[in-house]
Protein backbone atom coordinates (compact mmCIF):
# COMPACT_ATOMS: atom_id res chain seq x y z
CA MET A 1 -23.21 -131.55 -225.89
CA TRP A 2 -26.17 -132.15 -225.08
CA ILE A 3 -28.55 -134.82 -226.64
CA ALA A 4 -32.62 -135.16 -225.92
CA VAL A 5 -34.43 -138.37 -227.13
CA LYS A 6 -37.78 -138.00 -226.98
CA ALA A 7 -40.10 -141.53 -227.87
CA GLN A 8 -43.56 -142.70 -227.06
CA ARG A 9 -41.94 -144.92 -224.20
CA VAL A 10 -38.81 -145.28 -222.85
CA LEU A 11 -37.62 -149.20 -221.70
CA ASP A 12 -35.04 -148.47 -219.47
CA GLY A 13 -33.77 -151.76 -219.39
CA THR A 14 -34.04 -151.79 -214.97
CA GLY A 15 -37.06 -153.63 -214.91
CA ARG A 16 -39.08 -150.99 -214.42
CA PRO A 17 -42.37 -150.44 -216.45
CA PRO A 18 -42.00 -148.69 -219.41
CA VAL A 19 -41.87 -144.05 -219.11
CA GLU A 20 -44.63 -143.17 -221.17
CA HIS A 21 -43.85 -139.84 -223.03
CA GLY A 22 -40.17 -140.61 -222.02
CA VAL A 23 -37.05 -138.64 -222.90
CA VAL A 24 -33.20 -139.35 -221.88
CA LEU A 25 -30.20 -136.80 -221.40
CA ILE A 26 -27.33 -137.09 -222.96
CA GLU A 27 -24.14 -134.92 -222.20
CA GLY A 28 -21.30 -136.18 -224.03
CA GLU A 29 -21.00 -140.17 -223.79
CA ARG A 30 -22.96 -140.54 -220.61
CA ILE A 31 -26.39 -140.29 -219.60
CA ARG A 32 -27.71 -137.65 -217.32
CA ALA A 33 -31.32 -138.31 -216.78
CA VAL A 34 -34.20 -140.31 -218.04
CA GLY A 35 -37.37 -139.58 -217.41
CA ARG A 36 -41.02 -138.10 -218.61
CA GLN A 37 -40.44 -135.33 -220.97
CA ALA A 38 -42.73 -133.12 -218.26
CA ASP A 39 -40.42 -133.43 -215.83
CA VAL A 40 -36.95 -133.36 -217.45
CA ALA A 41 -35.53 -130.18 -218.26
CA ILE A 42 -33.48 -129.99 -221.91
CA PRO A 43 -30.92 -127.50 -221.82
CA GLU A 44 -31.09 -124.94 -224.51
CA GLY A 45 -29.28 -125.80 -228.10
CA ALA A 46 -29.04 -129.40 -227.27
CA GLN A 47 -29.82 -131.75 -230.03
CA VAL A 48 -33.25 -133.09 -230.24
CA TYR A 49 -34.19 -136.90 -231.69
CA ASP A 50 -37.96 -137.00 -231.56
CA CYS A 51 -38.69 -141.09 -232.39
CA GLY A 52 -42.48 -140.13 -231.98
CA THR A 53 -44.33 -143.56 -231.96
CA HIS A 54 -41.56 -145.69 -231.60
CA THR A 55 -39.81 -147.15 -228.15
CA VAL A 56 -36.48 -146.22 -226.92
CA LEU A 57 -34.62 -148.77 -225.26
CA PRO A 58 -30.92 -149.87 -224.59
CA GLY A 59 -28.47 -150.88 -226.76
CA LEU A 60 -28.50 -154.89 -227.63
CA VAL A 61 -25.72 -156.83 -226.22
CA ASP A 62 -24.47 -160.06 -227.46
CA ALA A 63 -23.20 -162.05 -224.96
CA HIS A 64 -22.20 -164.75 -227.35
CA SER A 65 -20.66 -164.23 -231.00
CA HIS A 66 -17.64 -164.60 -232.58
CA ALA A 67 -16.65 -161.90 -235.04
CA SER A 68 -15.22 -163.90 -238.08
CA ILE A 69 -17.37 -166.63 -238.57
CA VAL A 70 -20.73 -166.63 -240.71
CA PRO A 71 -22.89 -170.17 -240.21
CA GLY A 72 -24.33 -169.91 -243.42
CA LEU A 73 -21.25 -170.35 -245.35
CA GLY A 74 -20.88 -174.03 -243.38
CA ASP A 75 -17.57 -175.22 -241.84
CA GLN A 76 -16.93 -172.93 -239.31
CA ILE A 77 -13.75 -174.44 -238.10
CA GLY A 78 -12.52 -174.23 -241.35
CA GLN A 79 -13.03 -170.45 -241.72
CA LEU A 80 -11.03 -169.94 -238.44
CA ARG A 81 -8.24 -171.95 -240.45
CA GLN A 82 -8.36 -169.20 -242.82
CA ALA A 83 -5.63 -166.44 -243.14
CA PRO A 84 -5.91 -163.83 -241.22
CA ALA A 85 -6.92 -161.00 -244.08
CA ARG A 86 -9.58 -163.21 -245.22
CA GLN A 87 -11.32 -163.47 -241.21
CA LEU A 88 -10.80 -159.72 -240.79
CA LEU A 89 -12.65 -158.79 -243.96
CA ARG A 90 -15.29 -161.15 -242.73
CA ALA A 91 -15.17 -159.97 -239.26
CA VAL A 92 -15.69 -155.90 -240.25
CA ARG A 93 -18.47 -156.53 -242.23
CA ASN A 94 -20.24 -158.95 -239.97
CA LEU A 95 -19.49 -155.81 -237.04
CA ARG A 96 -21.33 -153.58 -239.00
CA THR A 97 -24.33 -155.48 -239.71
CA ASP A 98 -24.43 -155.96 -235.76
CA LEU A 99 -24.36 -152.22 -235.33
CA ARG A 100 -26.87 -151.65 -237.12
CA SER A 101 -29.24 -154.29 -236.16
CA GLY A 102 -28.70 -152.22 -232.51
CA VAL A 103 -26.23 -154.16 -230.97
CA THR A 104 -23.88 -152.12 -229.03
CA THR A 105 -21.56 -154.20 -227.44
CA MET A 106 -20.46 -157.67 -227.67
CA ARG A 107 -18.86 -160.17 -226.16
CA VAL A 108 -16.25 -162.49 -229.23
CA VAL A 109 -15.85 -165.89 -227.52
CA GLY A 110 -13.10 -167.04 -229.51
CA GLU A 111 -10.93 -166.14 -232.53
CA GLU A 112 -7.68 -167.47 -234.03
CA HIS A 113 -4.58 -164.34 -234.84
CA PHE A 114 -5.56 -162.45 -232.50
CA ILE A 115 -7.87 -160.43 -234.82
CA ASP A 116 -10.32 -159.53 -231.85
CA ILE A 117 -7.75 -157.65 -229.68
CA GLU A 118 -7.57 -155.58 -233.27
CA LEU A 119 -11.01 -155.38 -233.58
CA ARG A 120 -11.74 -154.40 -230.38
CA ASP A 121 -8.92 -152.17 -230.04
CA ALA A 122 -9.65 -150.27 -233.69
CA ILE A 123 -13.83 -149.90 -232.59
CA ALA A 124 -12.60 -148.17 -229.30
CA ALA A 125 -10.02 -145.84 -231.29
CA GLY A 126 -13.33 -144.74 -233.14
CA ARG A 127 -11.40 -146.39 -236.48
CA LEU A 128 -13.65 -148.98 -237.29
CA PRO A 129 -17.66 -149.14 -236.99
CA GLY A 130 -19.04 -151.90 -234.79
CA PRO A 131 -20.19 -153.19 -231.38
CA ARG A 132 -17.77 -152.44 -228.26
CA LEU A 133 -16.12 -155.30 -227.75
CA ARG A 134 -15.03 -157.84 -224.81
CA VAL A 135 -12.52 -160.52 -226.47
CA ALA A 136 -11.32 -164.38 -225.71
CA THR A 137 -8.91 -164.38 -228.76
CA ARG A 138 -7.52 -167.52 -228.94
CA PRO A 139 -10.21 -170.49 -227.38
CA ILE A 140 -8.51 -173.39 -224.85
CA THR A 141 -9.37 -176.65 -226.96
CA ALA A 142 -8.04 -179.97 -226.99
CA ARG A 143 -6.75 -181.28 -230.37
CA HIS A 144 -9.29 -183.57 -230.89
CA GLY A 145 -11.97 -181.27 -229.64
CA HIS A 146 -14.67 -178.99 -230.69
CA GLY A 147 -13.56 -175.81 -232.03
CA ALA A 148 -9.72 -176.82 -232.64
CA ALA A 149 -9.06 -174.72 -235.61
CA LEU A 150 -5.51 -173.63 -235.35
CA THR A 151 -4.54 -173.73 -231.72
CA PHE A 152 -4.43 -176.72 -229.61
CA SER A 153 -3.78 -176.75 -225.68
CA ASP A 154 -3.22 -180.40 -224.90
CA GLY A 155 -2.16 -181.22 -221.44
CA GLU A 156 -1.91 -178.93 -217.81
CA ASP A 157 1.33 -176.96 -218.98
CA GLN A 158 -0.08 -176.27 -222.46
CA ILE A 159 -3.26 -174.95 -220.94
CA ARG A 160 -1.59 -172.46 -218.64
CA ARG A 161 0.78 -171.29 -221.33
CA HIS A 162 -1.84 -170.61 -223.94
CA ILE A 163 -3.96 -168.70 -221.14
CA ARG A 164 -0.91 -166.36 -220.04
CA GLU A 165 -0.35 -165.62 -224.08
CA ASN A 166 -3.93 -164.76 -223.93
CA VAL A 167 -3.51 -162.83 -221.26
CA ALA A 168 -0.15 -161.31 -222.65
CA ALA A 169 -2.00 -160.48 -225.76
CA GLY A 170 -5.45 -158.16 -223.95
CA CYS A 171 -7.98 -160.88 -223.86
CA ASP A 172 -11.25 -159.69 -221.42
CA LEU A 173 -11.81 -163.18 -220.77
CA ILE A 174 -11.09 -167.05 -221.42
CA LYS A 175 -12.83 -169.77 -223.24
CA LEU A 176 -12.72 -172.64 -223.26
CA PHE A 177 -14.69 -176.00 -225.38
CA MET A 178 -15.10 -178.90 -223.26
CA THR A 179 -18.17 -180.60 -225.00
CA GLY A 180 -18.49 -181.50 -228.50
CA GLY A 181 -20.88 -179.00 -230.27
CA ILE A 182 -23.19 -178.93 -233.44
CA SER A 183 -20.98 -177.43 -235.93
CA SER A 184 -18.51 -179.82 -236.13
CA THR A 185 -17.81 -183.61 -236.29
CA ALA A 186 -15.75 -183.57 -233.07
CA GLY A 187 -17.87 -185.25 -230.58
CA GLY A 188 -21.18 -185.40 -229.44
CA ALA A 189 -23.10 -183.13 -226.90
CA ARG A 190 -22.32 -184.97 -224.14
CA TRP A 191 -18.64 -185.99 -225.06
CA TYR A 192 -15.88 -184.12 -223.69
CA ALA A 193 -12.25 -183.38 -224.10
CA TYR A 194 -10.63 -182.33 -220.67
CA THR A 195 -9.73 -184.26 -217.80
CA PRO A 196 -10.68 -182.24 -215.11
CA ALA A 197 -7.59 -181.68 -213.94
CA GLU A 198 -7.30 -180.24 -217.28
CA LEU A 199 -10.37 -177.94 -216.71
CA ALA A 200 -9.36 -177.43 -213.12
CA ALA A 201 -5.60 -176.21 -214.51
CA ALA A 202 -7.75 -173.50 -216.78
CA VAL A 203 -10.07 -172.20 -214.23
CA ASP A 204 -7.12 -171.96 -211.48
CA GLU A 205 -4.93 -169.95 -214.37
CA ALA A 206 -7.86 -167.72 -215.37
CA HIS A 207 -9.04 -166.85 -211.95
CA ARG A 208 -5.52 -166.56 -211.17
CA ASN A 209 -5.12 -163.87 -213.75
CA GLN A 210 -8.62 -161.93 -213.15
CA ARG A 211 -10.22 -163.11 -216.11
CA PRO A 212 -13.65 -164.89 -216.16
CA VAL A 213 -13.95 -168.31 -217.50
CA ALA A 214 -16.53 -168.72 -220.09
CA VAL A 215 -16.68 -172.68 -221.41
CA HIS A 216 -19.17 -174.36 -224.44
CA ALA A 217 -20.74 -177.07 -222.84
CA HIS A 218 -24.41 -178.31 -223.55
CA GLY A 219 -24.79 -181.54 -221.19
CA GLY A 220 -23.61 -184.49 -219.66
CA PRO A 221 -20.78 -185.16 -217.22
CA GLY A 222 -18.64 -182.67 -219.17
CA LEU A 223 -20.70 -179.99 -218.03
CA ARG A 224 -21.34 -181.23 -214.36
CA LEU A 225 -17.66 -181.06 -214.53
CA CYS A 226 -17.65 -177.10 -214.81
CA ILE A 227 -20.15 -176.33 -212.85
CA ALA A 228 -18.45 -178.21 -209.82
CA ALA A 229 -14.88 -176.30 -211.21
CA GLY A 230 -16.02 -173.06 -210.77
CA VAL A 231 -16.37 -171.67 -214.27
CA ASP A 232 -18.22 -167.96 -214.55
CA THR A 233 -20.86 -168.70 -217.50
CA ILE A 234 -21.99 -171.95 -219.60
CA GLU A 235 -22.03 -170.93 -222.93
CA HIS A 236 -25.33 -173.31 -224.79
CA GLY A 237 -25.83 -176.10 -222.67
CA LYS A 238 -28.30 -177.47 -224.81
CA LEU A 239 -28.86 -180.55 -222.92
CA ALA A 240 -28.65 -179.53 -219.50
CA THR A 241 -30.82 -181.06 -217.21
CA PRO A 242 -33.12 -179.80 -214.53
CA ASP A 243 -30.50 -180.72 -211.34
CA ASP A 244 -27.92 -179.45 -213.84
CA LEU A 245 -29.95 -175.99 -214.30
CA ASP A 246 -30.66 -176.17 -210.41
CA ALA A 247 -26.63 -176.67 -209.66
CA MET A 248 -25.61 -173.73 -211.75
CA ARG A 249 -27.95 -171.41 -209.90
CA ARG A 250 -26.63 -172.58 -206.36
CA ARG A 251 -23.43 -171.68 -207.59
CA GLY A 252 -24.93 -168.37 -208.80
CA MET A 253 -23.48 -169.32 -212.61
CA TRP A 254 -24.90 -167.79 -215.59
CA LEU A 255 -26.00 -169.45 -218.88
CA ILE A 256 -25.89 -167.97 -222.28
CA THR A 257 -28.34 -169.41 -224.56
CA ASN A 258 -29.26 -169.07 -227.97
CA ASN A 259 -31.31 -170.63 -230.78
CA ALA A 260 -30.46 -168.80 -234.12
CA VAL A 261 -27.25 -171.00 -235.26
CA SER A 262 -29.27 -174.13 -234.84
CA GLY A 263 -32.84 -173.04 -235.27
CA HIS A 264 -32.89 -170.18 -238.28
CA PRO A 265 -32.95 -171.39 -241.82
CA GLU A 266 -29.76 -169.37 -242.58
CA GLY A 267 -27.37 -170.93 -239.63
CA ILE A 268 -26.31 -174.44 -239.79
CA GLU A 269 -28.79 -176.11 -241.68
CA ARG A 270 -27.70 -173.71 -245.09
CA GLY A 271 -23.96 -173.76 -244.68
CA ASP A 272 -23.70 -177.61 -243.51
CA GLY A 273 -26.45 -179.52 -244.48
CA HIS A 274 -25.22 -182.08 -246.91
CA ASN A 275 -22.67 -182.99 -243.86
CA PRO A 276 -24.85 -186.08 -242.05
CA VAL A 277 -22.72 -186.07 -238.91
CA ILE A 278 -23.66 -182.37 -238.15
CA MET A 279 -27.09 -182.79 -239.10
CA ALA A 280 -27.80 -185.43 -236.78
CA LYS A 281 -26.55 -183.32 -233.64
CA LEU A 282 -28.53 -180.76 -235.08
CA ARG A 283 -31.66 -182.42 -235.02
CA GLU A 284 -30.94 -183.66 -231.77
CA ALA A 285 -30.51 -179.97 -230.57
CA ARG A 286 -33.85 -178.95 -232.39
CA ALA A 287 -36.00 -181.58 -230.60
CA TYR A 288 -34.47 -180.59 -227.04
CA ALA A 289 -34.48 -177.03 -227.31
CA ARG A 290 -37.91 -175.84 -226.55
CA GLU A 291 -38.55 -178.39 -223.35
CA ASN A 292 -35.01 -176.98 -222.44
CA PHE A 293 -35.83 -173.55 -222.47
CA ARG A 294 -38.93 -174.08 -220.53
CA HIS A 295 -36.33 -176.08 -217.51
CA VAL A 296 -34.25 -172.61 -217.65
CA LEU A 297 -37.47 -170.55 -217.03
CA GLU A 298 -38.49 -173.49 -214.14
CA SER A 299 -35.14 -173.33 -213.06
CA GLY A 300 -34.27 -169.80 -211.90
CA VAL A 301 -30.65 -169.92 -213.45
CA ARG A 302 -29.49 -166.44 -214.57
CA TRP A 303 -29.64 -166.11 -218.35
CA ALA A 304 -28.90 -163.94 -221.13
CA LEU A 305 -28.79 -164.38 -224.75
CA GLY A 306 -25.95 -164.36 -227.67
CA THR A 307 -26.12 -165.09 -231.18
CA ASP A 308 -23.75 -167.56 -231.93
CA ALA A 309 -22.50 -165.08 -234.86
CA MET A 310 -25.78 -164.89 -236.47
CA HIS A 311 -25.11 -161.34 -237.32
CA GLY A 312 -27.57 -159.27 -237.30
CA LEU A 313 -30.33 -161.47 -235.94
CA MET A 314 -30.21 -160.03 -231.97
CA TRP A 315 -34.06 -159.43 -232.40
CA TRP A 316 -34.90 -163.09 -233.70
CA GLU A 317 -33.06 -164.89 -230.46
CA ILE A 318 -35.58 -162.55 -228.03
CA ALA A 319 -38.50 -163.27 -230.31
CA GLN A 320 -37.71 -166.50 -230.19
CA VAL A 321 -37.69 -166.95 -226.64
CA VAL A 322 -40.75 -165.68 -226.11
CA ALA A 323 -42.36 -167.58 -228.78
CA TRP A 324 -40.98 -170.78 -225.74
CA GLY A 325 -42.87 -168.63 -223.42
CA ALA A 326 -40.05 -166.44 -221.63
CA ASP A 327 -42.43 -162.93 -220.88
CA PRO A 328 -41.37 -160.46 -223.65
CA HIS A 329 -39.96 -157.49 -220.64
CA ASP A 330 -37.49 -160.14 -219.09
CA ALA A 331 -36.33 -161.66 -223.03
CA ILE A 332 -35.60 -158.38 -223.34
CA LEU A 333 -33.26 -158.05 -220.42
CA ALA A 334 -31.76 -160.50 -221.51
CA ALA A 335 -30.46 -159.02 -224.41
CA THR A 336 -29.53 -155.61 -221.99
CA ARG A 337 -29.15 -155.82 -218.57
CA ARG A 338 -28.84 -159.28 -217.87
CA ALA A 339 -26.05 -159.86 -220.80
CA ALA A 340 -24.23 -156.80 -220.16
CA GLU A 341 -23.83 -158.15 -216.18
CA ALA A 342 -23.18 -161.66 -217.85
CA ILE A 343 -20.29 -160.35 -219.45
CA GLY A 344 -18.95 -158.06 -216.97
CA MET A 345 -20.15 -154.62 -218.24
CA GLY A 346 -23.23 -154.11 -216.13
CA GLN A 347 -21.38 -150.68 -214.86
CA GLU A 348 -21.08 -149.11 -217.78
CA VAL A 349 -23.75 -150.57 -220.50
CA GLY A 350 -27.24 -152.43 -220.57
CA SER A 351 -29.83 -150.37 -219.19
CA LEU A 352 -30.67 -146.19 -219.70
CA GLU A 353 -29.58 -144.87 -216.06
CA PRO A 354 -27.95 -141.84 -215.37
CA GLY A 355 -24.21 -141.80 -215.76
CA LYS A 356 -23.74 -145.15 -218.12
CA LEU A 357 -22.77 -145.34 -221.41
CA ALA A 358 -25.33 -143.30 -223.97
CA ASP A 359 -26.07 -146.62 -225.50
CA LEU A 360 -29.41 -146.75 -226.70
CA ILE A 361 -31.80 -147.76 -229.93
CA SER A 362 -35.27 -146.77 -230.84
CA VAL A 363 -37.71 -149.73 -232.87
CA ASP A 364 -40.80 -149.12 -234.59
CA GLY A 365 -43.89 -149.92 -231.81
CA ASP A 366 -43.96 -151.47 -228.32
CA PRO A 367 -42.09 -154.59 -228.08
CA LEU A 368 -43.87 -155.54 -224.92
CA ARG A 369 -47.00 -156.31 -227.62
CA ASP A 370 -44.96 -157.31 -230.79
CA ILE A 371 -41.34 -158.67 -229.80
CA THR A 372 -40.80 -158.58 -233.27
CA CYS A 373 -40.66 -155.45 -233.48
CA LEU A 374 -36.92 -154.86 -232.45
CA GLN A 375 -36.46 -155.66 -235.93
CA ARG A 376 -37.54 -152.09 -237.04
CA VAL A 377 -34.27 -149.98 -235.62
CA GLY A 378 -34.33 -146.55 -236.42
CA LEU A 379 -32.63 -144.79 -234.18
CA ILE A 380 -29.28 -145.99 -232.68
CA LEU A 381 -26.70 -143.87 -230.61
CA GLN A 382 -23.48 -145.35 -229.35
CA GLY A 383 -21.72 -143.85 -226.51
CA GLY A 384 -23.92 -140.44 -226.93
CA ARG A 385 -22.52 -141.08 -231.14
CA ARG A 386 -25.21 -141.53 -233.97
CA VAL A 387 -24.51 -144.81 -235.86
CA ASP A 388 -27.62 -145.50 -237.76
CA THR A 389 -26.44 -143.36 -240.85
CA LEU A 390 -24.29 -146.13 -241.43
CA SER A 391 -24.02 -147.78 -244.90
CA PRO A 392 -24.68 -151.39 -244.94
CA ASP A 393 -21.27 -152.31 -246.21
């Protein structure tokens, strides 16, 4: 079946200027042509979606999230300790919210009970609506570290064993918690849980099994150890210095940044505002956030965006970095093409190009002039299938 999507403009995610009076031509689940309506022949009998004055752009790619967590409920580690049925029920609703907001692909960086494997496979089989998933399964975290819920990996042997178990279960990547974090009482953001030898064992085991390593690391010596160890992506990096960012740039590493969980009123503050330890760390992160992002822009490091389980708020993540100085087009690329590249899916999604999966959205307005229009999503296609008609629940 052929589908033609027309719009006032098409922002194709390649970095090129918008195509005015554009059209995206789709056959089955793949894009066949992108161009001006006057230049692209639409086959007879094609389904035509005319989005009028909307802008069409690639489906959004959330490069860092958790399927079952809702930060506004508080005690995120406690949420991960709950029974699998409770986590799955939350995850199904969360992923539906993400998809309806225009997120068609997502990387899930840590769940217990292997529920993300089940979710990924159910979505791929068409049994469940949600973004196309890349999943890490159980995170590698020390017993006394941030992210420690049900599975603990202490010592080189246990780290290797759990990575092998994750690989056997079908994970797409390995997630490791190195430094402390904001949403738990374990350590500060510059404290780190693993020794250099343990970290090296994790990277060796993951890479030997052809899995990239995504590491939760905010700053300090723990972040620098991760850079030296050759991990693939640094998650958060809230306290990264210009020297840290320059080292990441020279090694070709990705920084996956997010701000809604710490800056949006529905995030950590709503859920854990009563916890003085968490709130102290949250205030530190907020105080440095704008300056940190300025350093990111100045460094030239490769960066992409994620929501860290702030479901439905990918548009807010994009708008926040624009408010802090990012070019609107560059910010959109960080949530489309660059995010897809960062999570290893750049050949399939992230831009509107012939041969790629037909993941696209329309938004009411011109996001290069008004970035907040990204919250006004109209049409959503995922693999050529219309999904914006989904009910909220």
